[in-house]
Every structure is written in structure tokens, then in C-alpha cells.
Protein backbone atom coordinates (compact mmCIF):
# COMPACT_ATOMS: atom_id res chain seq x y z
CA MET A 1 -43.50 4.28 -23.79
CA LEU A 2 -40.16 5.47 -23.49
CA PRO A 3 -39.35 9.08 -22.72
CA ASN A 4 -37.15 10.31 -25.68
CA SER A 5 -34.48 12.46 -23.86
CA MET A 6 -33.00 11.22 -20.96
CA PRO A 7 -33.08 14.38 -17.67
CA PRO A 8 -30.13 16.12 -16.99
CA PRO A 9 -27.48 14.62 -14.58
CA GLY A 10 -28.16 16.64 -11.02
CA GLN A 11 -25.51 18.59 -9.70
CA ASN A 12 -24.71 15.88 -6.46
CA ARG A 13 -23.76 13.15 -9.05
CA ALA A 14 -20.57 13.18 -8.13
CA LEU A 15 -20.70 13.24 -4.27
CA MET A 16 -21.90 9.31 -4.68
CA MET A 17 -18.54 8.05 -5.57
CA PRO A 18 -16.33 8.16 -2.90
CA THR A 19 -12.55 9.29 -2.77
CA ARG A 20 -9.97 7.14 -1.51
CA LYS A 21 -7.70 8.59 2.18
CA GLN A 22 -4.51 7.14 0.38
CA THR A 23 -3.43 6.58 -3.08
CA ARG A 24 -3.31 1.94 -3.60
CA ALA A 25 0.68 2.03 -2.95
CA GLN A 26 0.47 3.77 0.02
CA GLU A 27 -2.34 1.29 1.27
CA ARG A 28 -0.21 -1.64 0.23
CA ALA A 29 2.87 -0.54 1.76
CA ALA A 30 -0.31 0.41 4.96
CA ARG A 31 -1.64 -3.38 4.92
CA ILE A 32 1.65 -5.30 3.81
CA SER A 33 3.18 -3.71 7.27
CA TRP A 34 0.12 -5.05 9.31
CA GLU A 35 0.67 -8.42 7.80
CA ARG A 36 4.09 -8.65 8.75
CA GLY A 37 3.79 -7.18 12.08
CA VAL A 38 1.13 -9.63 12.83
CA ASN A 39 3.85 -12.56 11.15
CA GLU A 40 6.54 -11.74 13.84
CA ALA A 41 4.49 -11.32 16.44
CA ARG A 42 2.76 -15.15 15.88
CA LEU A 43 6.49 -16.43 15.27
CA ALA A 44 7.95 -14.47 18.55
CA THR A 45 4.91 -16.81 20.51
CA GLU A 46 5.22 -20.22 18.48
CA ALA A 47 9.41 -19.81 20.12
CA THR A 48 8.39 -18.56 22.94
CA ARG A 49 6.02 -21.46 23.28
CA ARG A 50 9.18 -24.17 21.66
CA ALA A 51 11.41 -22.81 24.02
CA GLU A 52 9.10 -23.31 27.10
CA ARG A 53 8.13 -26.75 25.66
CA THR A 54 12.17 -27.53 25.53
CA ALA A 55 13.18 -26.38 28.94
CA ALA A 56 10.47 -28.28 30.07
CA ASN A 57 11.29 -31.11 28.79
CA TYR A 58 15.42 -31.04 29.23
CA GLU A 59 17.27 -33.86 30.39
CA PRO A 60 21.19 -33.81 30.76
CA PRO A 61 23.15 -35.73 28.56
CA PRO A 62 23.53 -39.01 31.29
CA PHE A 63 27.39 -39.25 31.50
């Protein structure tokens, strides 16, 4: 059998919901900035490897 009325909500009910440390816009900007940094580092590494590979295989023209 179901109770006729609901018990009153507890005093600490609101404490279960986590609060944001940053706004959504700040979190989005931080994520974008982090991803750009990762991409920049990856592109720099690829460029360095490409330059090393080119320098190792470089032969001047035959004239």
C-alpha cells in the first residue's frame, strides 16, 4: 500500500547537486585553448620530423 502523502524534503537535499567551478563559456574556452595547444604541439613535431627526413634524404641537383 502506498503512503497518502510524501515526506518533507530533507534539509540537505540541495547539497547533492554539484556546483560549477566555471561557467559553460569559460569551460568551452579552456577546452578550445587546450585542444589548440595540443594541435600546435603535434603539428610542430610533424614539421620537425618532416624537416629531418628531408635533410637526411636531400641530394643536390646533378649539375
